[in-house]
Every structure is written in structure tokens, then in C-alpha cells.
Amino acid sequence: MPRFQMHDFRTMEKSPTSPKTLTHKVGQMIDCSTDVKCWADSYNKETGEYRIVLQGTLEAEDTKWDWG
């Protein structure tokens, strides 16, 4: 599986994003992480809208992360 790259965060943040693309990128990110945790931040029973928080640590790479 390809490694999750820093530019992939931008891909995930684009709106609207297809569920298939987001599933793929989040899966890559989790697979490339050394630890991960997730919790439900909120859920609206009337609208079905939800918010989840995913937190983790990506594996170290040979190169520095470039946020630019």
C-alpha cells in the first residue's frame, strides 16, 4: 500500500469529497500510523449529521514533513 503523504491531508480536506476517496485516504493514514484513537464528538439524531475525531501519530519518514 502506498504511504500516506503530507499532501494527502489537502486531498482529504477538499469539499465535497467522495466517500470512496475519503475511505481510501483515511485507511492509508491509519495504516501508516504508529498509534490511533477515535471518538464521536457529536451526533444529531434529527439530521443524521455526525462529527468524529481521529488522532494519531504517523510513522517517521526519512524526510522532514513539509507543511508548505
PDB file of N, CA and C in Angstrom:
ATOM      1  N   MET A   1       0.843  -1.180   0.000  1.00  0.00           N
ATOM      2  CA  MET A   1       0.000   0.000   0.000  1.00  0.00           C
ATOM      3  C   MET A   1       0.889   1.244   0.000  1.00  0.00           C
ATOM      4  N   PRO A   2       0.552   2.247  -0.813  1.00  0.00           N
ATOM      5  CA  PRO A   2       1.359   3.472  -0.836  1.00  0.00           C
ATOM      6  C   PRO A   2       1.328   4.173   0.522  1.00  0.00           C
ATOM      7  N   ARG A   3       2.414   4.859   0.825  1.00  0.00           N
ATOM      8  CA  ARG A   3       2.498   5.599   2.087  1.00  0.00           C
ATOM      9  C   ARG A   3       1.622   6.844   2.032  1.00  0.00           C
ATOM     10  N   PHE A   4       1.054   7.179   3.150  1.00  0.00           N
ATOM     11  CA  PHE A   4       0.308   8.423   3.299  1.00  0.00           C
ATOM     12  C   PHE A   4       1.312   9.564   3.262  1.00  0.00           C
ATOM     13  N   GLN A   5       1.056  10.558   2.443  1.00  0.00           N
ATOM     14  CA  GLN A   5       1.962  11.692   2.290  1.00  0.00           C
ATOM     15  C   GLN A   5       1.305  12.957   2.828  1.00  0.00           C
ATOM     16  N   MET A   6       2.106  13.942   3.160  1.00  0.00           N
ATOM     17  CA  MET A   6       1.595  15.179   3.723  1.00  0.00           C
ATOM     18  C   MET A   6       0.554  15.843   2.821  1.00  0.00           C
ATOM     19  N   HIS A   7       0.764  15.828   1.514  1.00  0.00           N
ATOM     20  CA  HIS A   7      -0.189  16.461   0.595  1.00  0.00           C
ATOM     21  C   HIS A   7      -1.548  15.756   0.609  1.00  0.00           C
ATOM     22  N   ASP A   8      -1.596  14.535   1.139  1.00  0.00           N
ATOM     23  CA  ASP A   8      -2.862  13.812   1.220  1.00  0.00           C
ATOM     24  C   ASP A   8      -3.845  14.478   2.185  1.00  0.00           C
ATOM     25  N   PHE A   9      -3.338  15.237   3.164  1.00  0.00           N
ATOM     26  CA  PHE A   9      -4.239  15.978   4.050  1.00  0.00           C
ATOM     27  C   PHE A   9      -5.072  16.960   3.241  1.00  0.00           C
ATOM     28  N   ARG A  10      -4.451  17.622   2.288  1.00  0.00           N
ATOM     29  CA  ARG A  10      -5.200  18.582   1.455  1.00  0.00           C
ATOM     30  C   ARG A  10      -6.277  17.882   0.635  1.00  0.00           C
ATOM     31  N   THR A  11      -5.960  16.699   0.125  1.00  0.00           N
ATOM     32  CA  THR A  11      -6.935  15.925  -0.641  1.00  0.00           C
ATOM     33  C   THR A  11      -8.143  15.594   0.235  1.00  0.00           C
ATOM     34  N   MET A  12      -7.871  15.211   1.487  1.00  0.00           N
ATOM     35  CA  MET A  12      -8.953  14.843   2.405  1.00  0.00           C
ATOM     36  C   MET A  12      -9.800  16.048   2.798  1.00  0.00           C
ATOM     37  N   GLU A  13      -9.221  17.241   2.816  1.00  0.00           N
ATOM     38  CA  GLU A  13      -9.934  18.437   3.251  1.00  0.00           C
ATOM     39  C   GLU A  13     -10.801  19.055   2.164  1.00  0.00           C
ATOM     40  N   LYS A  14     -10.591  18.658   0.913  1.00  0.00           N
ATOM     41  CA  LYS A  14     -11.388  19.218  -0.175  1.00  0.00           C
ATOM     42  C   LYS A  14     -12.847  18.821   0.021  1.00  0.00           C
ATOM     43  N   SER A  15     -13.713  19.771  -0.255  1.00  0.00           N
ATOM     44  CA  SER A  15     -15.133  19.506  -0.099  1.00  0.00           C
ATOM     45  C   SER A  15     -15.847  19.860  -1.389  1.00  0.00           C
ATOM     46  N   PRO A  16     -16.735  19.073  -1.883  1.00  0.00           N
ATOM     47  CA  PRO A  16     -17.085  17.760  -1.355  1.00  0.00           C
ATOM     48  C   PRO A  16     -16.056  16.702  -1.763  1.00  0.00           C
ATOM     49  N   THR A  17     -15.902  15.710  -0.927  1.00  0.00           N
ATOM     50  CA  THR A  17     -15.014  14.578  -1.198  1.00  0.00           C
ATOM     51  C   THR A  17     -15.872  13.326  -1.264  1.00  0.00           C
ATOM     52  N   SER A  18     -15.606  12.479  -2.219  1.00  0.00           N
ATOM     53  CA  SER A  18     -16.401  11.259  -2.321  1.00  0.00           C
ATOM     54  C   SER A  18     -16.087  10.336  -1.144  1.00  0.00           C
ATOM     55  N   PRO A  19     -17.074   9.599  -0.658  1.00  0.00           N
ATOM     56  CA  PRO A  19     -16.822   8.650   0.424  1.00  0.00           C
ATOM     57  C   PRO A  19     -15.729   7.642   0.070  1.00  0.00           C
ATOM     58  N   LYS A  20     -15.660   7.224  -1.186  1.00  0.00           N
ATOM     59  CA  LYS A  20     -14.652   6.251  -1.603  1.00  0.00           C
ATOM     60  C   LYS A  20     -13.239   6.832  -1.461  1.00  0.00           C
ATOM     61  N   THR A  21     -13.041   8.074  -1.917  1.00  0.00           N
ATOM     62  CA  THR A  21     -11.731   8.729  -1.811  1.00  0.00           C
ATOM     63  C   THR A  21     -11.346   8.925  -0.359  1.00  0.00           C
ATOM     64  N   LEU A  22     -12.288   9.403   0.452  1.00  0.00           N
ATOM     65  CA  LEU A  22     -12.013   9.642   1.862  1.00  0.00           C
ATOM     66  C   LEU A  22     -11.706   8.334   2.590  1.00  0.00           C
ATOM     67  N   THR A  23     -12.445   7.281   2.298  1.00  0.00           N
ATOM     68  CA  THR A  23     -12.187   5.968   2.900  1.00  0.00           C
ATOM     69  C   THR A  23     -10.779   5.499   2.577  1.00  0.00           C
ATOM     70  N   HIS A  24     -10.362   5.671   1.323  1.00  0.00           N
ATOM     71  CA  HIS A  24      -9.029   5.250   0.893  1.00  0.00           C
ATOM     72  C   HIS A  24      -7.938   6.038   1.625  1.00  0.00           C
ATOM     73  N   LYS A  25      -8.069   7.350   1.660  1.00  0.00           N
ATOM     74  CA  LYS A  25      -7.032   8.199   2.275  1.00  0.00           C
ATOM     75  C   LYS A  25      -6.962   8.002   3.793  1.00  0.00           C
ATOM     76  N   VAL A  26      -8.110   7.917   4.452  1.00  0.00           N
ATOM     77  CA  VAL A  26      -8.103   7.688   5.905  1.00  0.00           C
ATOM     78  C   VAL A  26      -7.518   6.315   6.206  1.00  0.00           C
ATOM     79  N   GLY A  27      -7.846   5.322   5.394  1.00  0.00           N
ATOM     80  CA  GLY A  27      -7.269   3.987   5.568  1.00  0.00           C
ATOM     81  C   GLY A  27      -5.755   3.996   5.428  1.00  0.00           C
ATOM     82  N   GLN A  28      -5.250   4.720   4.428  1.00  0.00           N
ATOM     83  CA  GLN A  28      -3.798   4.850   4.256  1.00  0.00           C
ATOM     84  C   GLN A  28      -3.166   5.510   5.471  1.00  0.00           C
ATOM     85  N   MET A  29      -3.816   6.575   5.969  1.00  0.00           N
ATOM     86  CA  MET A  29      -3.284   7.301   7.109  1.00  0.00           C
ATOM     87  C   MET A  29      -3.226   6.388   8.334  1.00  0.00           C
ATOM     88  N   ILE A  30      -4.270   5.630   8.583  1.00  0.00           N
ATOM     89  CA  ILE A  30      -4.289   4.715   9.728  1.00  0.00           C
ATOM     90  C   ILE A  30      -3.226   3.641   9.563  1.00  0.00           C
ATOM     91  N   ASP A  31      -3.106   3.082   8.365  1.00  0.00           N
ATOM     92  CA  ASP A  31      -2.093   2.044   8.117  1.00  0.00           C
ATOM     93  C   ASP A  31      -0.670   2.553   8.300  1.00  0.00           C
ATOM     94  N   CYS A  32      -0.447   3.836   8.089  1.00  0.00           N
ATOM     95  CA  CYS A  32       0.887   4.424   8.211  1.00  0.00           C
ATOM     96  C   CYS A  32       1.108   5.067   9.586  1.00  0.00           C
ATOM     97  N   SER A  33       0.226   4.781  10.532  1.00  0.00           N
ATOM     98  CA  SER A  33       0.322   5.373  11.865  1.00  0.00           C
ATOM     99  C   SER A  33       0.864   4.362  12.873  1.00  0.00           C
ATOM    100  N   THR A  34       1.546   4.889  13.874  1.00  0.00           N
ATOM    101  CA  THR A  34       2.055   4.027  14.941  1.00  0.00           C
ATOM    102  C   THR A  34       1.035   3.870  16.059  1.00  0.00           C
ATOM    103  N   ASP A  35       0.138   4.836  16.212  1.00  0.00           N
ATOM    104  CA  ASP A  35      -0.974   4.715  17.155  1.00  0.00           C
ATOM    105  C   ASP A  35      -2.115   5.593  16.668  1.00  0.00           C
ATOM    106  N   VAL A  36      -3.341   5.174  16.984  1.00  0.00           N
ATOM    107  CA  VAL A  36      -4.522   5.900  16.523  1.00  0.00           C
ATOM    108  C   VAL A  36      -5.614   5.763  17.578  1.00  0.00           C
ATOM    109  N   LYS A  37      -6.353   6.835  17.773  1.00  0.00           N
ATOM    110  CA  LYS A  37      -7.565   6.741  18.582  1.00  0.00           C
ATOM    111  C   LYS A  37      -8.649   7.579  17.917  1.00  0.00           C
ATOM    112  N   CYS A  38      -9.887   7.228  18.210  1.00  0.00           N
ATOM    113  CA  CYS A  38     -11.023   7.872  17.563  1.00  0.00           C
ATOM    114  C   CYS A  38     -12.152   7.998  18.576  1.00  0.00           C
ATOM    115  N   TRP A  39     -12.895   9.111  18.490  1.00  0.00           N
ATOM    116  CA  TRP A  39     -14.074   9.239  19.330  1.00  0.00           C
ATOM    117  C   TRP A  39     -15.133  10.037  18.594  1.00  0.00           C
ATOM    118  N   ALA A  40     -16.386   9.786  18.976  1.00  0.00           N
ATOM    119  CA  ALA A  40     -17.507  10.522  18.404  1.00  0.00           C
ATOM    120  C   ALA A  40     -17.633  11.836  19.156  1.00  0.00           C
ATOM    121  N   ASP A  41     -17.465  12.931  18.444  1.00  0.00           N
ATOM    122  CA  ASP A  41     -17.535  14.256  19.050  1.00  0.00           C
ATOM    123  C   ASP A  41     -18.979  14.713  19.191  1.00  0.00           C
ATOM    124  N   SER A  42     -19.782  14.432  18.169  1.00  0.00           N
ATOM    125  CA  SER A  42     -21.194  14.811  18.229  1.00  0.00           C
ATOM    126  C   SER A  42     -21.998  14.004  17.223  1.00  0.00           C
ATOM    127  N   TYR A  43     -23.293  13.906  17.489  1.00  0.00           N
ATOM    128  CA  TYR A  43     -24.211  13.231  16.578  1.00  0.00           C
ATOM    129  C   TYR A  43     -25.591  13.858  16.732  1.00  0.00           C
ATOM    130  N   ASN A  44     -26.198  14.256  15.606  1.00  0.00           N
ATOM    131  CA  ASN A  44     -27.526  14.860  15.605  1.00  0.00           C
ATOM    132  C   ASN A  44     -28.522  13.818  15.115  1.00  0.00           C
ATOM    133  N   LYS A  45     -29.364  13.327  16.024  1.00  0.00           N
ATOM    134  CA  LYS A  45     -30.337  12.279  15.676  1.00  0.00           C
ATOM    135  C   LYS A  45     -31.358  12.759  14.657  1.00  0.00           C
ATOM    136  N   GLU A  46     -31.667  14.050  14.664  1.00  0.00           N
ATOM    137  CA  GLU A  46     -32.677  14.577  13.744  1.00  0.00           C
ATOM    138  C   GLU A  46     -32.179  14.641  12.310  1.00  0.00           C
ATOM    139  N   THR A  47     -30.928  15.038  12.103  1.00  0.00           N
ATOM    140  CA  THR A  47     -30.406  15.222  10.746  1.00  0.00           C
ATOM    141  C   THR A  47     -29.477  14.097  10.295  1.00  0.00           C
ATOM    142  N   GLY A  48     -28.973  13.305  11.244  1.00  0.00           N
ATOM    143  CA  GLY A  48     -28.006  12.261  10.907  1.00  0.00           C
ATOM    144  C   GLY A  48     -26.581  12.779  10.793  1.00  0.00           C
ATOM    145  N   GLU A  49     -26.412  14.089  10.987  1.00  0.00           N
ATOM    146  CA  GLU A  49     -25.074  14.674  10.889  1.00  0.00           C
ATOM    147  C   GLU A  49     -24.232  14.220  12.079  1.00  0.00           C
ATOM    148  N   TYR A  50     -22.960  13.928  11.817  1.00  0.00           N
ATOM    149  CA  TYR A  50     -22.054  13.486  12.865  1.00  0.00           C
ATOM    150  C   TYR A  50     -20.696  14.144  12.710  1.00  0.00           C
ATOM    151  N   ARG A  51     -19.932  14.086  13.775  1.00  0.00           N
ATOM    152  CA  ARG A  51     -18.564  14.591  13.760  1.00  0.00           C
ATOM    153  C   ARG A  51     -17.720  13.596  14.541  1.00  0.00           C
ATOM    154  N   ILE A  52     -16.661  13.107  13.912  1.00  0.00           N
ATOM    155  CA  ILE A  52     -15.739  12.207  14.595  1.00  0.00           C
ATOM    156  C   ILE A  52     -14.358  12.852  14.643  1.00  0.00           C
ATOM    157  N   VAL A  53     -13.581  12.480  15.627  1.00  0.00           N
ATOM    158  CA  VAL A  53     -12.216  12.978  15.765  1.00  0.00           C
ATOM    159  C   VAL A  53     -11.293  11.771  15.689  1.00  0.00           C
ATOM    160  N   LEU A  54     -10.317  11.858  14.822  1.00  0.00           N
ATOM    161  CA  LEU A  54      -9.313  10.816  14.652  1.00  0.00           C
ATOM    162  C   LEU A  54      -7.971  11.433  15.006  1.00  0.00           C
ATOM    163  N   GLN A  55      -7.270  10.814  15.940  1.00  0.00           N
ATOM    164  CA  GLN A  55      -5.980  11.340  16.377  1.00  0.00           C
ATOM    165  C   GLN A  55      -4.963  10.222  16.363  1.00  0.00           C
ATOM    166  N   GLY A  56      -3.760  10.524  15.873  1.00  0.00           N
ATOM    167  CA  GLY A  56      -2.723   9.503  15.833  1.00  0.00           C
ATOM    168  C   GLY A  56      -1.360  10.090  15.557  1.00  0.00           C
ATOM    169  N   THR A  57      -0.410   9.199  15.384  1.00  0.00           N
ATOM    170  CA  THR A  57       0.963   9.579  15.080  1.00  0.00           C
ATOM    171  C   THR A  57       1.407   8.821  13.842  1.00  0.00           C
ATOM    172  N   LEU A  58       1.795   9.565  12.813  1.00  0.00           N
ATOM    173  CA  LEU A  58       2.284   8.937  11.596  1.00  0.00           C
ATOM    174  C   LEU A  58       3.690   8.396  11.823  1.00  0.00           C
ATOM    175  N   GLU A  59       4.005   7.286  11.149  1.00  0.00           N
ATOM    176  CA  GLU A  59       5.349   6.722  11.224  1.00  0.00           C
ATOM    177  C   GLU A  59       6.366   7.751  10.764  1.00  0.00           C
ATOM    178  N   ALA A  60       7.537   7.731  11.359  1.00  0.00           N
ATOM    179  CA  ALA A  60       8.606   8.652  10.959  1.00  0.00           C
ATOM    180  C   ALA A  60       9.041   8.325   9.538  1.00  0.00           C
ATOM    181  N   GLU A  61       9.386   9.365   8.819  1.00  0.00           N
ATOM    182  CA  GLU A  61       9.898   9.205   7.459  1.00  0.00           C
ATOM    183  C   GLU A  61      11.342   9.670   7.438  1.00  0.00           C
ATOM    184  N   ASP A  62      12.040   9.334   6.369  1.00  0.00           N
ATOM    185  CA  ASP A  62      13.417   9.765   6.200  1.00  0.00           C
ATOM    186  C   ASP A  62      13.501  11.276   5.981  1.00  0.00           C
ATOM    187  N   THR A  63      12.445  11.859   5.426  1.00  0.00           N
ATOM    188  CA  THR A  63      12.448  13.291   5.139  1.00  0.00           C
ATOM    189  C   THR A  63      11.565  14.025   6.145  1.00  0.00           C
ATOM    190  N   LYS A  64      11.828  15.311   6.314  1.00  0.00           N
ATOM    191  CA  LYS A  64      11.022  16.138   7.189  1.00  0.00           C
ATOM    192  C   LYS A  64       9.646  16.353   6.547  1.00  0.00           C
ATOM    193  N   TRP A  65       8.613  16.476   7.394  1.00  0.00           N
ATOM    194  CA  TRP A  65       7.292  16.843   6.878  1.00  0.00           C
ATOM    195  C   TRP A  65       7.357  18.274   6.361  1.00  0.00           C
ATOM    196  N   ASP A  66       6.778  18.498   5.206  1.00  0.00           N
ATOM    197  CA  ASP A  66       6.768  19.839   4.633  1.00  0.00           C
ATOM    198  C   ASP A  66       5.316  20.301   4.566  1.00  0.00           C
ATOM    199  N   TRP A  67       4.929  21.184   5.474  1.00  0.00           N
ATOM    200  CA  TRP A  67       3.550  21.663   5.526  1.00  0.00           C
ATOM    201  C   TRP A  67       3.277  22.724   4.471  1.00  0.00           C
ATOM    202  N   GLY A  68       4.307  23.176   3.761  1.00  0.00           N
ATOM    203  CA  GLY A  68       4.155  24.268   2.803  1.00  0.00           C
ATOM    204  C   GLY A  68       3.398  23.980   1.636  1.00  0.00           C
TER     205      GLY A  68
END
